[in-house]
Amino acid sequence: MTSTLEVQPTAVPAARAKDWLRNQYPLLILIALLIFASSTSDAFLSPRNLENLVLQMSVAGIVALAQFIVVISGGIDISVGSVLGLSCVLGAGLFGGTSVLVAVLMSLLVGVALGAVNGFLIAFRGLEPFIVTLGMLALARGLVYAYTEGVPVTPKAPGFTSVGTATVAGFPALGWLWLLLALGMGFLLRRTVFGRRVYAIGSKRDAAHAAGIPVRGTLVAVYCIAGLLVGLGGFLLASRVGAATPTAGTNFELDAIAAVVIGGTRLNGGQGRIFGAVIGTVIFGVITNLLVLLNVSTFLQDAFRGALILVAVTLATIGRQKAKR
């Protein structure tokens, strides 16, 4: 009897650790990927490449945060790339791009306004998120081409690129901003009443409504927050590149969805953690960076992206089936 009691306290933490590791497959994938990348390419761990990697991941990571909160609520937003592009070109081109403050405000305003339209049509008109955001994707991208006429927009403000290229404590400012936004999003969704409402709506919308949760208002707020993040991403992209191109934000919606799925978030809502979305973004960024370093064809890069999404979905499905058993 004594030996059984002595073994049990050590067995329980071991079992918990095993269960935790089983659910952390994105982190394990990332560790294996980093080992493979560092052993395959000598340039991967160079300071310059790591800095470029962080800069590339930061804007995509902010957009992934926007996609994450939408997916948690049980929706999906495939317009994030086009809305980012519109925020980017309007922020950089309005009034000749002579004011950084105006550029920031315009980018945020565009993102919030289009997000509010998406949220209103989905929450108050009962339209499907995929259809609504598909229409917004075409609308926003069309406005981008109409505004730019296919020509890149170059802002004239002398300090426009300062935010996108600055470093703090030897680390890109964009990276710090992405991490701070991730922490803020994690706190919002896990530690506030609003966040619990978002998870409840994503888990069972009818039950959330029956429980007295303001479903419509919450959904509009979700899409507004997502639009705010996407608008910020549009300004940061223009600031990092130093110009706003008509193709800015192209395929960002696919990258954001892939990062969220790779991170273990359930696409029909109600389940997922911000840590997983961040890890998914890093995984996606490392693979893209490594393929470029290895001079892999852009067509094969798209194939690798698709394969990665399929593997992530398969692993997530297997994990949930084991959890149910």
C-alpha atoms as a PDB file:
ATOM      1  CA  MET A   1       0.000   0.000   0.000  1.00  0.00           C
ATOM      2  CA  THR A   2       2.807   2.353   0.889  1.00  0.00           C
ATOM      3  CA  SER A   3       4.670   1.725  -2.363  1.00  0.00           C
ATOM      4  CA  THR A   4       1.531   2.497  -4.367  1.00  0.00           C
ATOM      5  CA  LEU A   5       1.100   5.832  -2.619  1.00  0.00           C
ATOM      6  CA  GLU A   6       4.745   6.676  -3.182  1.00  0.00           C
ATOM      7  CA  VAL A   7       4.594   5.989  -6.917  1.00  0.00           C
ATOM      8  CA  GLN A   8       1.327   7.793  -7.561  1.00  0.00           C
ATOM      9  CA  PRO A   9       2.526  11.414  -6.995  1.00  0.00           C
ATOM     10  CA  THR A  10       5.328  10.972  -9.520  1.00  0.00           C
ATOM     11  CA  ALA A  11       3.141   9.090 -11.976  1.00  0.00           C
ATOM     12  CA  VAL A  12       0.504  11.836 -12.130  1.00  0.00           C
ATOM     13  CA  PRO A  13       2.902  14.658 -13.159  1.00  0.00           C
ATOM     14  CA  ALA A  14       4.508  12.320 -15.687  1.00  0.00           C
ATOM     15  CA  ALA A  15       1.120  11.549 -17.216  1.00  0.00           C
ATOM     16  CA  ARG A  16       0.236  15.233 -17.288  1.00  0.00           C
ATOM     17  CA  ALA A  17       3.550  16.063 -18.942  1.00  0.00           C
ATOM     18  CA  LYS A  18       2.930  13.367 -21.549  1.00  0.00           C
ATOM     19  CA  ASP A  19      -0.547  14.707 -22.284  1.00  0.00           C
ATOM     20  CA  TRP A  20       0.822  18.261 -22.533  1.00  0.00           C
ATOM     21  CA  LEU A  21       3.524  17.212 -24.991  1.00  0.00           C
ATOM     22  CA  ARG A  22       0.970  15.301 -27.043  1.00  0.00           C
ATOM     23  CA  ASN A  23      -1.042  18.519 -27.461  1.00  0.00           C
ATOM     24  CA  GLN A  24       2.037  20.618 -28.293  1.00  0.00           C
ATOM     25  CA  TYR A  25       2.735  19.133 -31.692  1.00  0.00           C
ATOM     26  CA  PRO A  26       3.144  22.627 -33.282  1.00  0.00           C
ATOM     27  CA  LEU A  27       5.977  23.397 -30.861  1.00  0.00           C
ATOM     28  CA  LEU A  28       7.624  20.039 -31.548  1.00  0.00           C
ATOM     29  CA  ILE A  29       7.306  20.655 -35.281  1.00  0.00           C
ATOM     30  CA  LEU A  30       8.941  24.055 -34.861  1.00  0.00           C
ATOM     31  CA  ILE A  31      11.873  22.646 -32.877  1.00  0.00           C
ATOM     32  CA  ALA A  32      12.478  19.933 -35.464  1.00  0.00           C
ATOM     33  CA  LEU A  33      12.158  22.490 -38.249  1.00  0.00           C
ATOM     34  CA  LEU A  34      14.698  24.842 -36.654  1.00  0.00           C
ATOM     35  CA  ILE A  35      17.192  22.008 -36.260  1.00  0.00           C
ATOM     36  CA  PHE A  36      16.679  20.981 -39.874  1.00  0.00           C
ATOM     37  CA  ALA A  37      16.958  24.562 -41.183  1.00  0.00           C
ATOM     38  CA  SER A  38      20.139  25.333 -39.243  1.00  0.00           C
ATOM     39  CA  SER A  39      21.772  22.132 -40.454  1.00  0.00           C
ATOM     40  CA  THR A  40      20.689  22.577 -44.061  1.00  0.00           C
ATOM     41  CA  SER A  41      21.595  26.219 -44.668  1.00  0.00           C
ATOM     42  CA  ASP A  42      24.586  28.031 -43.175  1.00  0.00           C
ATOM     43  CA  ALA A  43      22.900  31.389 -43.807  1.00  0.00           C
ATOM     44  CA  PHE A  44      19.782  30.569 -41.775  1.00  0.00           C
ATOM     45  CA  LEU A  45      21.255  31.479 -38.371  1.00  0.00           C
ATOM     46  CA  SER A  46      23.073  34.565 -39.614  1.00  0.00           C
ATOM     47  CA  PRO A  47      22.008  37.766 -37.801  1.00  0.00           C
ATOM     48  CA  ARG A  48      20.896  39.427 -41.013  1.00  0.00           C
ATOM     49  CA  ASN A  49      18.685  36.507 -42.057  1.00  0.00           C
ATOM     50  CA  LEU A  50      17.142  36.199 -38.595  1.00  0.00           C
ATOM     51  CA  GLU A  51      16.341  39.906 -38.594  1.00  0.00           C
ATOM     52  CA  ASN A  52      14.727  39.607 -42.025  1.00  0.00           C
ATOM     53  CA  LEU A  53      12.817  36.566 -40.819  1.00  0.00           C
ATOM     54  CA  VAL A  54      11.373  38.486 -37.865  1.00  0.00           C
ATOM     55  CA  LEU A  55      10.414  41.422 -40.100  1.00  0.00           C
ATOM     56  CA  GLN A  56       8.660  39.112 -42.544  1.00  0.00           C
ATOM     57  CA  MET A  57       6.811  37.210 -39.823  1.00  0.00           C
ATOM     58  CA  SER A  58       5.681  40.245 -37.836  1.00  0.00           C
ATOM     59  CA  VAL A  59       3.113  41.663 -40.261  1.00  0.00           C
ATOM     60  CA  ALA A  60       1.896  38.169 -41.161  1.00  0.00           C
ATOM     61  CA  GLY A  61       1.717  37.397 -37.438  1.00  0.00           C
ATOM     62  CA  ILE A  62      -0.448  40.455 -36.743  1.00  0.00           C
ATOM     63  CA  VAL A  63      -2.818  39.419 -39.538  1.00  0.00           C
ATOM     64  CA  ALA A  64      -2.871  35.890 -38.077  1.00  0.00           C
ATOM     65  CA  LEU A  65      -3.997  37.376 -34.747  1.00  0.00           C
ATOM     66  CA  ALA A  66      -6.902  39.006 -36.573  1.00  0.00           C
ATOM     67  CA  GLN A  67      -7.779  35.723 -38.243  1.00  0.00           C
ATOM     68  CA  PHE A  68      -7.470  33.907 -34.907  1.00  0.00           C
ATOM     69  CA  ILE A  69     -10.122  35.930 -33.083  1.00  0.00           C
ATOM     70  CA  VAL A  70     -12.490  35.574 -36.035  1.00  0.00           C
ATOM     71  CA  VAL A  71     -12.006  31.801 -36.222  1.00  0.00           C
ATOM     72  CA  ILE A  72     -12.482  31.443 -32.456  1.00  0.00           C
ATOM     73  CA  SER A  73     -15.866  33.140 -32.832  1.00  0.00           C
ATOM     74  CA  GLY A  74     -16.892  30.512 -35.379  1.00  0.00           C
ATOM     75  CA  GLY A  75     -16.275  32.591 -38.508  1.00  0.00           C
ATOM     76  CA  ILE A  76     -13.597  33.069 -41.119  1.00  0.00           C
ATOM     77  CA  ASP A  77     -12.246  36.150 -42.873  1.00  0.00           C
ATOM     78  CA  ILE A  78     -10.712  35.637 -46.304  1.00  0.00           C
ATOM     79  CA  SER A  79     -10.665  39.387 -46.979  1.00  0.00           C
ATOM     80  CA  VAL A  80      -7.790  40.197 -44.600  1.00  0.00           C
ATOM     81  CA  GLY A  81      -5.195  40.321 -47.390  1.00  0.00           C
ATOM     82  CA  SER A  82      -7.182  42.704 -49.589  1.00  0.00           C
ATOM     83  CA  VAL A  83      -8.204  44.903 -46.645  1.00  0.00           C
ATOM     84  CA  LEU A  84      -4.546  45.061 -45.637  1.00  0.00           C
ATOM     85  CA  GLY A  85      -3.656  46.096 -49.192  1.00  0.00           C
ATOM     86  CA  LEU A  86      -6.275  48.860 -49.204  1.00  0.00           C
ATOM     87  CA  SER A  87      -5.140  50.104 -45.783  1.00  0.00           C
ATOM     88  CA  CYS A  88      -1.569  50.026 -47.041  1.00  0.00           C
ATOM     89  CA  VAL A  89      -2.083  52.088 -50.204  1.00  0.00           C
ATOM     90  CA  LEU A  90      -4.493  54.603 -48.659  1.00  0.00           C
ATOM     91  CA  GLY A  91      -2.271  55.121 -45.639  1.00  0.00           C
ATOM     92  CA  ALA A  92       0.784  55.660 -47.805  1.00  0.00           C
ATOM     93  CA  GLY A  93      -0.910  57.722 -50.497  1.00  0.00           C
ATOM     94  CA  LEU A  94      -3.475  59.934 -48.813  1.00  0.00           C
ATOM     95  CA  PHE A  95      -2.451  63.612 -49.016  1.00  0.00           C
ATOM     96  CA  GLY A  96       0.743  62.473 -50.692  1.00  0.00           C
ATOM     97  CA  GLY A  97       1.832  60.464 -47.661  1.00  0.00           C
ATOM     98  CA  THR A  98       3.311  63.566 -46.024  1.00  0.00           C
ATOM     99  CA  SER A  99       2.134  62.750 -42.483  1.00  0.00           C
ATOM    100  CA  VAL A 100       2.906  59.539 -40.612  1.00  0.00           C
ATOM    101  CA  LEU A 101       0.126  60.215 -38.098  1.00  0.00           C
ATOM    102  CA  VAL A 102      -2.457  60.626 -40.852  1.00  0.00           C
ATOM    103  CA  ALA A 103      -1.181  57.448 -42.480  1.00  0.00           C
ATOM    104  CA  VAL A 104      -1.616  55.463 -39.260  1.00  0.00           C
ATOM    105  CA  LEU A 105      -5.088  56.850 -38.590  1.00  0.00           C
ATOM    106  CA  MET A 106      -6.222  56.260 -42.170  1.00  0.00           C
ATOM    107  CA  SER A 107      -4.952  52.664 -42.173  1.00  0.00           C
ATOM    108  CA  LEU A 108      -6.692  51.916 -38.874  1.00  0.00           C
ATOM    109  CA  LEU A 109      -9.900  53.635 -40.001  1.00  0.00           C
ATOM    110  CA  VAL A 110     -10.052  51.655 -43.240  1.00  0.00           C
ATOM    111  CA  GLY A 111      -9.502  48.383 -41.391  1.00  0.00           C
ATOM    112  CA  VAL A 112     -12.115  49.077 -38.717  1.00  0.00           C
ATOM    113  CA  ALA A 113     -14.695  50.352 -41.212  1.00  0.00           C
ATOM    114  CA  LEU A 114     -14.450  47.320 -43.484  1.00  0.00           C
ATOM    115  CA  GLY A 115     -14.371  45.004 -40.479  1.00  0.00           C
ATOM    116  CA  ALA A 116     -17.546  46.656 -39.162  1.00  0.00           C
ATOM    117  CA  VAL A 117     -19.257  46.078 -42.532  1.00  0.00           C
ATOM    118  CA  ASN A 118     -18.288  42.406 -42.418  1.00  0.00           C
ATOM    119  CA  GLY A 119     -19.488  42.070 -38.833  1.00  0.00           C
ATOM    120  CA  PHE A 120     -22.787  43.828 -39.491  1.00  0.00           C
ATOM    121  CA  LEU A 121     -23.671  41.663 -42.493  1.00  0.00           C
ATOM    122  CA  ILE A 122     -22.723  38.476 -40.651  1.00  0.00           C
ATOM    123  CA  ALA A 123     -24.275  39.274 -37.269  1.00  0.00           C
ATOM    124  CA  PHE A 124     -27.383  41.272 -38.188  1.00  0.00           C
ATOM    125  CA  ARG A 125     -28.175  39.934 -41.661  1.00  0.00           C
ATOM    126  CA  GLY A 126     -27.304  36.308 -40.999  1.00  0.00           C
ATOM    127  CA  LEU A 127     -25.026  35.970 -44.017  1.00  0.00           C
ATOM    128  CA  GLU A 128     -22.299  33.353 -44.142  1.00  0.00           C
ATOM    129  CA  PRO A 129     -18.846  34.678 -43.141  1.00  0.00           C
ATOM    130  CA  PHE A 130     -17.185  33.046 -46.140  1.00  0.00           C
ATOM    131  CA  ILE A 131     -19.541  34.709 -48.642  1.00  0.00           C
ATOM    132  CA  VAL A 132     -19.396  38.119 -46.978  1.00  0.00           C
ATOM    133  CA  THR A 133     -15.628  38.208 -46.721  1.00  0.00           C
ATOM    134  CA  LEU A 134     -15.284  36.828 -50.258  1.00  0.00           C
ATOM    135  CA  GLY A 135     -17.233  39.828 -51.499  1.00  0.00           C
ATOM    136  CA  MET A 136     -15.136  42.152 -49.351  1.00  0.00           C
ATOM    137  CA  LEU A 137     -11.978  40.557 -50.759  1.00  0.00           C
ATOM    138  CA  ALA A 138     -13.036  41.455 -54.309  1.00  0.00           C
ATOM    139  CA  LEU A 139     -14.271  44.915 -53.310  1.00  0.00           C
ATOM    140  CA  ALA A 140     -11.137  45.922 -51.404  1.00  0.00           C
ATOM    141  CA  ARG A 141      -8.749  44.558 -54.036  1.00  0.00           C
ATOM    142  CA  GLY A 142     -10.678  46.325 -56.760  1.00  0.00           C
ATOM    143  CA  LEU A 143     -10.405  49.614 -54.863  1.00  0.00           C
ATOM    144  CA  VAL A 144      -6.660  49.040 -54.472  1.00  0.00           C
ATOM    145  CA  TYR A 145      -6.160  48.713 -58.219  1.00  0.00           C
ATOM    146  CA  ALA A 146      -8.501  51.623 -58.931  1.00  0.00           C
ATOM    147  CA  TYR A 147      -6.638  53.898 -56.519  1.00  0.00           C
ATOM    148  CA  THR A 148      -3.114  52.940 -57.567  1.00  0.00           C
ATOM    149  CA  GLU A 149      -3.840  52.222 -61.268  1.00  0.00           C
ATOM    150  CA  GLY A 150      -1.243  49.475 -60.961  1.00  0.00           C
ATOM    151  CA  VAL A 151       1.523  51.863 -59.867  1.00  0.00           C
ATOM    152  CA  PRO A 152       3.248  51.608 -56.437  1.00  0.00           C
ATOM    153  CA  VAL A 153       2.540  54.463 -54.027  1.00  0.00           C
ATOM    154  CA  THR A 154       5.611  56.029 -52.408  1.00  0.00           C
ATOM    155  CA  PRO A 155       4.981  58.131 -49.279  1.00  0.00           C
ATOM    156  CA  LYS A 156       6.804  61.460 -48.984  1.00  0.00           C
ATOM    157  CA  ALA A 157       6.994  61.690 -45.190  1.00  0.00           C
ATOM    158  CA  PRO A 158      10.694  61.549 -44.177  1.00  0.00           C
ATOM    159  CA  GLY A 159      10.072  59.350 -41.130  1.00  0.00           C
ATOM    160  CA  PHE A 160       7.586  56.981 -42.744  1.00  0.00           C
ATOM    161  CA  THR A 161       9.931  53.993 -42.642  1.00  0.00           C
ATOM    162  CA  SER A 162      11.189  54.613 -39.109  1.00  0.00           C
ATOM    163  CA  VAL A 163       8.674  52.291 -37.434  1.00  0.00           C
ATOM    164  CA  GLY A 164       9.092  49.441 -39.877  1.00  0.00           C
ATOM    165  CA  THR A 165      12.881  49.443 -39.792  1.00  0.00           C
ATOM    166  CA  ALA A 166      13.643  50.462 -36.198  1.00  0.00           C
ATOM    167  CA  THR A 167      15.201  48.155 -33.611  1.00  0.00           C
ATOM    168  CA  VAL A 168      14.748  48.096 -29.844  1.00  0.00           C
ATOM    169  CA  ALA A 169      17.415  46.395 -27.725  1.00  0.00           C
ATOM    170  CA  GLY A 170      18.848  44.865 -30.885  1.00  0.00           C
ATOM    171  CA  PHE A 171      15.501  43.328 -31.881  1.00  0.00           C
ATOM    172  CA  PRO A 172      13.215  44.669 -34.653  1.00  0.00           C
ATOM    173  CA  ALA A 173      10.504  46.952 -33.319  1.00  0.00           C
ATOM    174  CA  LEU A 174       7.967  45.132 -35.463  1.00  0.00           C
ATOM    175  CA  GLY A 175       8.794  41.911 -33.628  1.00  0.00           C
ATOM    176  CA  TRP A 176       8.256  43.542 -30.235  1.00  0.00           C
ATOM    177  CA  LEU A 177       4.954  45.012 -31.424  1.00  0.00           C
ATOM    178  CA  TRP A 178       3.783  41.622 -32.688  1.00  0.00           C
ATOM    179  CA  LEU A 179       4.616  39.953 -29.364  1.00  0.00           C
ATOM    180  CA  LEU A 180       2.881  42.707 -27.382  1.00  0.00           C
ATOM    181  CA  LEU A 181      -0.236  42.409 -29.523  1.00  0.00           C
ATOM    182  CA  ALA A 182      -0.181  38.626 -29.082  1.00  0.00           C
ATOM    183  CA  LEU A 183       0.005  39.023 -25.300  1.00  0.00           C
ATOM    184  CA  GLY A 184      -2.801  41.566 -25.395  1.00  0.00           C
ATOM    185  CA  MET A 185      -4.957  39.294 -27.522  1.00  0.00           C
ATOM    186  CA  GLY A 186      -4.267  36.372 -25.203  1.00  0.00           C
ATOM    187  CA  PHE A 187      -5.310  38.450 -22.203  1.00  0.00           C
ATOM    188  CA  LEU A 188      -8.421  39.730 -23.970  1.00  0.00           C
ATOM    189  CA  LEU A 189      -9.643  36.270 -24.928  1.00  0.00           C
ATOM    190  CA  ARG A 190      -8.654  34.374 -21.787  1.00  0.00           C
ATOM    191  CA  ARG A 191      -9.017  36.873 -18.948  1.00  0.00           C
ATOM    192  CA  THR A 192     -11.992  39.043 -19.848  1.00  0.00           C
ATOM    193  CA  VAL A 193     -15.740  38.598 -20.084  1.00  0.00           C
ATOM    194  CA  PHE A 194     -15.612  39.575 -23.742  1.00  0.00           C
ATOM    195  CA  GLY A 195     -13.122  36.802 -24.486  1.00  0.00           C
ATOM    196  CA  ARG A 196     -15.240  34.172 -22.763  1.00  0.00           C
ATOM    197  CA  ARG A 197     -18.196  35.341 -24.805  1.00  0.00           C
ATOM    198  CA  VAL A 198     -16.210  34.922 -28.023  1.00  0.00           C
ATOM    199  CA  TYR A 199     -15.287  31.342 -27.098  1.00  0.00           C
ATOM    200  CA  ALA A 200     -18.881  30.594 -26.095  1.00  0.00           C
ATOM    201  CA  ILE A 201     -20.245  31.892 -29.395  1.00  0.00           C
ATOM    202  CA  GLY A 202     -17.708  29.847 -31.320  1.00  0.00           C
ATOM    203  CA  SER A 203     -18.546  26.698 -29.367  1.00  0.00           C
ATOM    204  CA  LYS A 204     -22.334  26.918 -29.654  1.00  0.00           C
ATOM    205  CA  ARG A 205     -23.938  30.085 -30.940  1.00  0.00           C
ATOM    206  CA  ASP A 206     -27.508  29.129 -30.043  1.00  0.00           C
ATOM    207  CA  ALA A 207     -26.510  28.162 -26.509  1.00  0.00           C
ATOM    208  CA  ALA A 208     -24.611  31.441 -26.103  1.00  0.00           C
ATOM    209  CA  HIS A 209     -27.691  33.376 -27.203  1.00  0.00           C
ATOM    210  CA  ALA A 210     -29.882  31.388 -24.804  1.00  0.00           C
ATOM    211  CA  ALA A 211     -27.446  32.194 -21.990  1.00  0.00           C
ATOM    212  CA  GLY A 212     -28.008  35.915 -22.515  1.00  0.00           C
ATOM    213  CA  ILE A 213     -24.763  36.684 -24.343  1.00  0.00           C
ATOM    214  CA  PRO A 214     -25.118  39.601 -26.800  1.00  0.00           C
ATOM    215  CA  VAL A 215     -24.123  37.516 -29.795  1.00  0.00           C
ATOM    216  CA  ARG A 216     -24.632  40.143 -32.492  1.00  0.00           C
ATOM    217  CA  GLY A 217     -22.774  42.920 -30.720  1.00  0.00           C
ATOM    218  CA  THR A 218     -19.933  40.588 -29.808  1.00  0.00           C
ATOM    219  CA  LEU A 219     -19.520  39.402 -33.397  1.00  0.00           C
ATOM    220  CA  VAL A 220     -19.436  42.973 -34.713  1.00  0.00           C
ATOM    221  CA  ALA A 221     -16.789  43.798 -32.104  1.00  0.00           C
ATOM    222  CA  VAL A 222     -14.773  40.717 -33.159  1.00  0.00           C
ATOM    223  CA  TYR A 223     -14.670  41.790 -36.800  1.00  0.00           C
ATOM    224  CA  CYS A 224     -13.882  45.388 -35.831  1.00  0.00           C
ATOM    225  CA  ILE A 225     -10.923  44.219 -33.734  1.00  0.00           C
ATOM    226  CA  ALA A 226      -9.767  42.034 -36.605  1.00  0.00           C
ATOM    227  CA  GLY A 227     -10.080  44.980 -38.993  1.00  0.00           C
ATOM    228  CA  LEU A 228      -8.107  47.188 -36.619  1.00  0.00           C
ATOM    229  CA  LEU A 229      -5.246  44.684 -36.549  1.00  0.00           C
ATOM    230  CA  VAL A 230      -5.312  44.267 -40.328  1.00  0.00           C
ATOM    231  CA  GLY A 231      -5.295  48.040 -40.821  1.00  0.00           C
ATOM    232  CA  LEU A 232      -2.298  48.339 -38.516  1.00  0.00           C
ATOM    233  CA  GLY A 233      -0.616  45.586 -40.499  1.00  0.00           C
ATOM    234  CA  GLY A 234      -1.198  47.581 -43.680  1.00  0.00           C
ATOM    235  CA  PHE A 235       0.604  50.626 -42.318  1.00  0.00           C
ATOM    236  CA  LEU A 236       3.455  48.535 -40.916  1.00  0.00           C
ATOM    237  CA  LEU A 237       3.931  46.769 -44.246  1.00  0.00           C
ATOM    238  CA  ALA A 238       4.191  50.088 -46.072  1.00  0.00           C
ATOM    239  CA  SER A 239       6.552  51.379 -43.397  1.00  0.00           C
ATOM    240  CA  ARG A 240       8.791  48.321 -43.652  1.00  0.00           C
ATOM    241  CA  VAL A 241       8.953  48.280 -47.446  1.00  0.00           C
ATOM    242  CA  GLY A 242       8.955  52.060 -47.915  1.00  0.00           C
ATOM    243  CA  ALA A 243       6.167  51.870 -50.516  1.00  0.00           C
ATOM    244  CA  ALA A 244       2.674  50.492 -51.014  1.00  0.00           C
ATOM    245  CA  THR A 245       2.332  48.200 -54.009  1.00  0.00           C
ATOM    246  CA  PRO A 246      -0.985  47.198 -55.658  1.00  0.00           C
ATOM    247  CA  THR A 247      -0.252  43.571 -54.766  1.00  0.00           C
ATOM    248  CA  ALA A 248       0.324  44.295 -51.066  1.00  0.00           C
ATOM    249  CA  GLY A 249      -1.375  41.692 -48.895  1.00  0.00           C
ATOM    250  CA  THR A 250      -1.868  39.159 -51.688  1.00  0.00           C
ATOM    251  CA  ASN A 251      -2.321  35.631 -50.258  1.00  0.00           C
ATOM    252  CA  PHE A 252      -2.077  36.945 -46.690  1.00  0.00           C
ATOM    253  CA  GLU A 253      -5.465  35.399 -46.012  1.00  0.00           C
ATOM    254  CA  LEU A 254      -4.088  31.957 -46.892  1.00  0.00           C
ATOM    255  CA  ASP A 255      -1.002  32.486 -44.742  1.00  0.00           C
ATOM    256  CA  ALA A 256      -3.112  33.642 -41.797  1.00  0.00           C
ATOM    257  CA  ILE A 257      -5.522  30.708 -42.037  1.00  0.00           C
ATOM    258  CA  ALA A 258      -2.591  28.308 -42.373  1.00  0.00           C
ATOM    259  CA  ALA A 259      -0.865  29.751 -39.296  1.00  0.00           C
ATOM    260  CA  VAL A 260      -4.055  29.447 -37.242  1.00  0.00           C
ATOM    261  CA  VAL A 261      -4.694  25.874 -38.389  1.00  0.00           C
ATOM    262  CA  ILE A 262      -1.085  24.813 -37.855  1.00  0.00           C
ATOM    263  CA  GLY A 263      -1.314  26.239 -34.346  1.00  0.00           C
ATOM    264  CA  GLY A 264      -4.133  23.826 -33.501  1.00  0.00           C
ATOM    265  CA  THR A 265      -7.145  26.148 -33.664  1.00  0.00           C
ATOM    266  CA  ARG A 266     -10.395  24.454 -34.587  1.00  0.00           C
ATOM    267  CA  LEU A 267     -11.801  26.002 -37.766  1.00  0.00           C
ATOM    268  CA  ASN A 268     -15.435  25.728 -36.656  1.00  0.00           C
ATOM    269  CA  GLY A 269     -14.666  27.845 -33.604  1.00  0.00           C
ATOM    270  CA  GLY A 270     -14.553  27.672 -29.832  1.00  0.00           C
ATOM    271  CA  GLN A 271     -11.145  26.059 -29.429  1.00  0.00           C
ATOM    272  CA  GLY A 272      -7.612  27.371 -29.783  1.00  0.00           C
ATOM    273  CA  ARG A 273      -4.878  29.340 -28.046  1.00  0.00           C
ATOM    274  CA  ILE A 274      -2.979  32.411 -29.081  1.00  0.00           C
ATOM    275  CA  PHE A 275       0.320  30.617 -28.386  1.00  0.00           C
ATOM    276  CA  GLY A 276      -0.534  28.108 -31.088  1.00  0.00           C
ATOM    277  CA  ALA A 277      -1.275  30.878 -33.609  1.00  0.00           C
ATOM    278  CA  VAL A 278       2.101  32.495 -32.870  1.00  0.00           C
ATOM    279  CA  ILE A 279       3.919  29.165 -33.224  1.00  0.00           C
ATOM    280  CA  GLY A 280       2.040  28.479 -36.460  1.00  0.00           C
ATOM    281  CA  THR A 281       3.154  31.841 -37.846  1.00  0.00           C
ATOM    282  CA  VAL A 282       6.773  31.104 -36.942  1.00  0.00           C
ATOM    283  CA  ILE A 283       6.584  27.649 -38.546  1.00  0.00           C
ATOM    284  CA  PHE A 284       5.174  29.101 -41.722  1.00  0.00           C
ATOM    285  CA  GLY A 285       7.762  31.899 -41.751  1.00  0.00           C
ATOM    286  CA  VAL A 286      10.705  29.541 -41.181  1.00  0.00           C
ATOM    287  CA  ILE A 287       9.607  27.209 -43.983  1.00  0.00           C
ATOM    288  CA  THR A 288       9.157  30.096 -46.419  1.00  0.00           C
ATOM    289  CA  ASN A 289      12.528  31.558 -45.466  1.00  0.00           C
ATOM    290  CA  LEU A 290      14.299  28.219 -45.760  1.00  0.00           C
ATOM    291  CA  LEU A 291      12.814  27.529 -49.187  1.00  0.00           C
ATOM    292  CA  VAL A 292      14.105  30.909 -50.381  1.00  0.00           C
ATOM    293  CA  LEU A 293      17.577  30.217 -48.973  1.00  0.00           C
ATOM    294  CA  LEU A 294      17.609  26.872 -50.767  1.00  0.00           C
ATOM    295  CA  ASN A 295      16.564  28.555 -54.037  1.00  0.00           C
ATOM    296  CA  VAL A 296      13.429  26.455 -54.331  1.00  0.00           C
ATOM    297  CA  SER A 297      11.049  27.446 -57.115  1.00  0.00           C
ATOM    298  CA  THR A 298       8.146  29.676 -56.071  1.00  0.00           C
ATOM    299  CA  PHE A 299       5.741  27.105 -57.528  1.00  0.00           C
ATOM    300  CA  LEU A 300       7.170  24.406 -55.281  1.00  0.00           C
ATOM    301  CA  GLN A 301       6.959  26.813 -52.349  1.00  0.00           C
ATOM    302  CA  ASP A 302       3.190  26.974 -52.851  1.00  0.00           C
ATOM    303  CA  ALA A 303       3.117  23.169 -52.946  1.00  0.00           C
ATOM    304  CA  PHE A 304       5.005  22.988 -49.651  1.00  0.00           C
ATOM    305  CA  ARG A 305       2.548  25.427 -48.094  1.00  0.00           C
ATOM    306  CA  GLY A 306      -0.395  23.300 -49.142  1.00  0.00           C
ATOM    307  CA  ALA A 307       1.254  20.132 -47.883  1.00  0.00           C
ATOM    308  CA  LEU A 308       2.006  21.793 -44.552  1.00  0.00           C
ATOM    309  CA  ILE A 309      -1.626  22.788 -44.097  1.00  0.00           C
ATOM    310  CA  LEU A 310      -2.774  19.240 -44.851  1.00  0.00           C
ATOM    311  CA  VAL A 311      -0.293  17.788 -42.353  1.00  0.00           C
ATOM    312  CA  ALA A 312      -1.379  20.271 -39.684  1.00  0.00           C
ATOM    313  CA  VAL A 313      -5.069  19.520 -40.180  1.00  0.00           C
ATOM    314  CA  THR A 314      -4.365  15.784 -40.044  1.00  0.00           C
ATOM    315  CA  LEU A 315      -2.381  16.090 -36.809  1.00  0.00           C
ATOM    316  CA  ALA A 316      -5.064  18.263 -35.249  1.00  0.00           C
ATOM    317  CA  THR A 317      -7.776  15.775 -36.189  1.00  0.00           C
ATOM    318  CA  ILE A 318      -5.796  12.849 -34.774  1.00  0.00           C
ATOM    319  CA  GLY A 319      -5.168  14.759 -31.555  1.00  0.00           C
ATOM    320  CA  ARG A 320      -8.853  15.581 -31.065  1.00  0.00           C
ATOM    321  CA  GLN A 321      -9.873  11.979 -31.749  1.00  0.00           C
ATOM    322  CA  LYS A 322      -7.436  10.741 -29.110  1.00  0.00           C
ATOM    323  CA  ALA A 323      -8.742  13.336 -26.654  1.00  0.00           C
ATOM    324  CA  LYS A 324     -12.327  12.170 -27.213  1.00  0.00           C
ATOM    325  CA  ARG A 325     -11.338   8.546 -26.626  1.00  0.00           C
END
